[in-house]
Amino acid sequence: MEKKVCHFCSEKMDKIDYKNAYLLRHFMNSQGKIYPPKRHGTCTKHQRMLAKAIKRARTMALVPFVVK
């Protein structure tokens, strides 16, 4: 099985914007939990940035904390 390539590294993104809710939802499951890095192949650096962006977006009510 091939190793997954980090989406953000391949797109050469140095920042992950918390306002881009559509992109952030791609890395969350239907219940609002953040997927682990192994699921999408994100590198450690971008996984930390992604988690921080999702948490900021939750605070700003752009993405939900929990979906019932």
N, C-alpha and C. Protein backbone atom coordinates (compact mmCIF):
# COMPACT_ATOMS: atom_id res chain seq x y z
N MET A 1 0.85 -1.18 0.00
CA MET A 1 0.00 0.00 0.00
C MET A 1 0.90 1.25 0.00
N GLU A 2 0.58 2.18 -0.85
CA GLU A 2 1.37 3.40 -0.97
C GLU A 2 1.10 4.35 0.19
N LYS A 3 2.14 5.09 0.56
CA LYS A 3 1.99 6.09 1.62
C LYS A 3 1.21 7.28 1.07
N LYS A 4 0.27 7.76 1.85
CA LYS A 4 -0.52 8.91 1.43
C LYS A 4 0.31 10.18 1.52
N VAL A 5 0.09 11.07 0.59
CA VAL A 5 0.83 12.33 0.56
C VAL A 5 -0.01 13.41 1.24
N CYS A 6 0.65 14.23 2.01
CA CYS A 6 -0.04 15.32 2.72
C CYS A 6 -0.67 16.28 1.70
N HIS A 7 -1.95 16.56 1.87
CA HIS A 7 -2.69 17.45 0.98
C HIS A 7 -2.09 18.85 0.98
N PHE A 8 -1.71 19.32 2.15
CA PHE A 8 -1.20 20.68 2.28
C PHE A 8 0.21 20.82 1.73
N CYS A 9 1.03 19.77 1.87
CA CYS A 9 2.38 19.80 1.29
C CYS A 9 2.32 19.78 -0.23
N SER A 10 1.42 18.96 -0.78
CA SER A 10 1.31 18.87 -2.23
C SER A 10 0.77 20.16 -2.85
N GLU A 11 -0.08 20.89 -2.10
CA GLU A 11 -0.63 22.16 -2.58
C GLU A 11 0.28 23.34 -2.22
N LYS A 12 1.37 23.06 -1.49
CA LYS A 12 2.32 24.07 -1.04
C LYS A 12 1.64 25.17 -0.21
N MET A 13 0.77 24.74 0.71
CA MET A 13 0.08 25.68 1.60
C MET A 13 0.91 25.83 2.87
N ASP A 14 1.32 27.06 3.18
CA ASP A 14 2.08 27.28 4.40
C ASP A 14 1.19 27.69 5.57
N LYS A 15 -0.04 28.11 5.27
CA LYS A 15 -1.00 28.46 6.31
C LYS A 15 -2.33 27.77 6.01
N ILE A 16 -3.04 27.40 7.06
CA ILE A 16 -4.39 26.83 6.92
C ILE A 16 -5.35 27.85 7.51
N ASP A 17 -6.23 28.38 6.68
CA ASP A 17 -7.14 29.43 7.11
C ASP A 17 -8.35 28.84 7.82
N TYR A 18 -8.63 29.32 9.01
CA TYR A 18 -9.77 28.81 9.77
C TYR A 18 -11.10 29.24 9.16
N LYS A 19 -11.09 30.23 8.27
CA LYS A 19 -12.33 30.72 7.67
C LYS A 19 -12.80 29.84 6.51
N ASN A 20 -11.94 28.96 6.02
CA ASN A 20 -12.28 28.06 4.93
C ASN A 20 -12.97 26.81 5.50
N ALA A 21 -14.24 26.95 5.84
CA ALA A 21 -14.99 25.89 6.52
C ALA A 21 -15.14 24.66 5.64
N TYR A 22 -15.25 24.85 4.33
CA TYR A 22 -15.42 23.71 3.42
C TYR A 22 -14.19 22.80 3.48
N LEU A 23 -13.01 23.38 3.47
CA LEU A 23 -11.77 22.59 3.55
C LEU A 23 -11.66 21.90 4.90
N LEU A 24 -12.00 22.60 5.98
CA LEU A 24 -11.89 22.03 7.32
C LEU A 24 -12.84 20.87 7.52
N ARG A 25 -14.03 20.95 6.97
CA ARG A 25 -15.01 19.87 7.13
C ARG A 25 -14.56 18.59 6.44
N HIS A 26 -13.69 18.71 5.44
CA HIS A 26 -13.15 17.54 4.75
C HIS A 26 -12.29 16.70 5.70
N PHE A 27 -11.72 17.33 6.71
CA PHE A 27 -10.85 16.65 7.66
C PHE A 27 -11.55 16.35 8.98
N MET A 28 -12.90 16.41 8.99
CA MET A 28 -13.70 16.10 10.17
C MET A 28 -14.73 15.04 9.79
N ASN A 29 -15.12 14.20 10.76
CA ASN A 29 -16.16 13.22 10.46
C ASN A 29 -17.54 13.84 10.66
N SER A 30 -18.57 13.05 10.46
CA SER A 30 -19.94 13.58 10.51
C SER A 30 -20.34 14.02 11.92
N GLN A 31 -19.61 13.55 12.93
CA GLN A 31 -19.92 13.94 14.31
C GLN A 31 -19.13 15.17 14.74
N GLY A 32 -18.25 15.66 13.89
CA GLY A 32 -17.48 16.86 14.20
C GLY A 32 -16.11 16.59 14.78
N LYS A 33 -15.68 15.33 14.80
CA LYS A 33 -14.36 14.99 15.34
C LYS A 33 -13.30 15.14 14.26
N ILE A 34 -12.10 15.50 14.69
CA ILE A 34 -10.98 15.66 13.76
C ILE A 34 -10.41 14.29 13.43
N TYR A 35 -10.25 14.02 12.12
CA TYR A 35 -9.66 12.74 11.72
C TYR A 35 -8.19 12.67 12.11
N PRO A 36 -7.70 11.47 12.43
CA PRO A 36 -6.27 11.32 12.73
C PRO A 36 -5.43 11.48 11.47
N PRO A 37 -4.15 11.76 11.61
CA PRO A 37 -3.29 12.00 10.44
C PRO A 37 -3.22 10.81 9.48
N LYS A 38 -3.34 9.61 10.00
CA LYS A 38 -3.25 8.42 9.15
C LYS A 38 -4.39 8.33 8.14
N ARG A 39 -5.52 8.90 8.48
CA ARG A 39 -6.70 8.82 7.61
C ARG A 39 -6.49 9.55 6.27
N HIS A 40 -5.95 10.76 6.33
CA HIS A 40 -5.75 11.56 5.12
C HIS A 40 -4.27 11.72 4.76
N GLY A 41 -3.38 11.22 5.60
CA GLY A 41 -1.96 11.28 5.29
C GLY A 41 -1.33 12.64 5.55
N THR A 42 -1.92 13.43 6.42
CA THR A 42 -1.34 14.74 6.71
C THR A 42 -0.06 14.58 7.53
N CYS A 43 0.91 15.43 7.26
CA CYS A 43 2.17 15.38 8.01
C CYS A 43 1.94 16.00 9.39
N THR A 44 2.89 15.81 10.27
CA THR A 44 2.76 16.27 11.65
C THR A 44 2.58 17.77 11.75
N LYS A 45 3.38 18.49 10.98
CA LYS A 45 3.32 19.96 11.00
C LYS A 45 1.93 20.46 10.59
N HIS A 46 1.40 19.92 9.50
CA HIS A 46 0.10 20.37 9.01
C HIS A 46 -1.05 19.83 9.85
N GLN A 47 -0.88 18.68 10.49
CA GLN A 47 -1.93 18.16 11.37
C GLN A 47 -2.12 19.10 12.57
N ARG A 48 -1.00 19.60 13.12
CA ARG A 48 -1.09 20.56 14.24
C ARG A 48 -1.77 21.85 13.78
N MET A 49 -1.39 22.35 12.60
CA MET A 49 -2.00 23.58 12.08
C MET A 49 -3.48 23.36 11.78
N LEU A 50 -3.83 22.19 11.27
CA LEU A 50 -5.21 21.85 10.95
C LEU A 50 -6.06 21.80 12.22
N ALA A 51 -5.54 21.16 13.25
CA ALA A 51 -6.28 21.06 14.52
C ALA A 51 -6.52 22.44 15.11
N LYS A 52 -5.51 23.29 15.05
CA LYS A 52 -5.65 24.65 15.59
C LYS A 52 -6.68 25.44 14.78
N ALA A 53 -6.67 25.28 13.44
CA ALA A 53 -7.63 25.99 12.59
C ALA A 53 -9.05 25.51 12.85
N ILE A 54 -9.23 24.20 13.03
CA ILE A 54 -10.57 23.66 13.31
C ILE A 54 -11.07 24.17 14.65
N LYS A 55 -10.21 24.21 15.65
CA LYS A 55 -10.61 24.69 16.97
C LYS A 55 -10.97 26.17 16.93
N ARG A 56 -10.24 26.95 16.15
CA ARG A 56 -10.58 28.37 15.99
C ARG A 56 -11.91 28.52 15.27
N ALA A 57 -12.13 27.71 14.23
CA ALA A 57 -13.39 27.79 13.48
C ALA A 57 -14.57 27.37 14.35
N ARG A 58 -14.37 26.43 15.25
CA ARG A 58 -15.43 26.04 16.18
C ARG A 58 -15.79 27.20 17.10
N THR A 59 -14.78 27.90 17.59
CA THR A 59 -15.01 29.04 18.47
C THR A 59 -15.76 30.15 17.76
N MET A 60 -15.45 30.35 16.47
CA MET A 60 -16.12 31.38 15.68
C MET A 60 -17.46 30.90 15.10
N ALA A 61 -17.86 29.67 15.43
CA ALA A 61 -19.13 29.06 14.99
C ALA A 61 -19.20 28.86 13.48
N LEU A 62 -18.05 28.59 12.85
CA LEU A 62 -18.03 28.29 11.42
C LEU A 62 -18.22 26.80 11.17
N VAL A 63 -17.76 25.98 12.09
CA VAL A 63 -17.99 24.55 12.07
C VAL A 63 -18.50 24.14 13.45
N PRO A 64 -19.30 23.07 13.53
CA PRO A 64 -19.90 22.70 14.81
C PRO A 64 -18.92 22.00 15.75
N PHE A 65 -19.18 22.12 17.04
CA PHE A 65 -18.42 21.37 18.05
C PHE A 65 -18.84 19.91 17.98
N VAL A 66 -20.15 19.67 18.06
CA VAL A 66 -20.70 18.31 18.05
C VAL A 66 -21.96 18.32 17.20
N VAL A 67 -22.15 17.27 16.41
CA VAL A 67 -23.36 17.14 15.62
C VAL A 67 -24.17 16.00 16.21
N LYS A 68 -25.43 16.26 16.52
CA LYS A 68 -26.27 15.22 17.13
C LYS A 68 -27.04 14.46 16.08
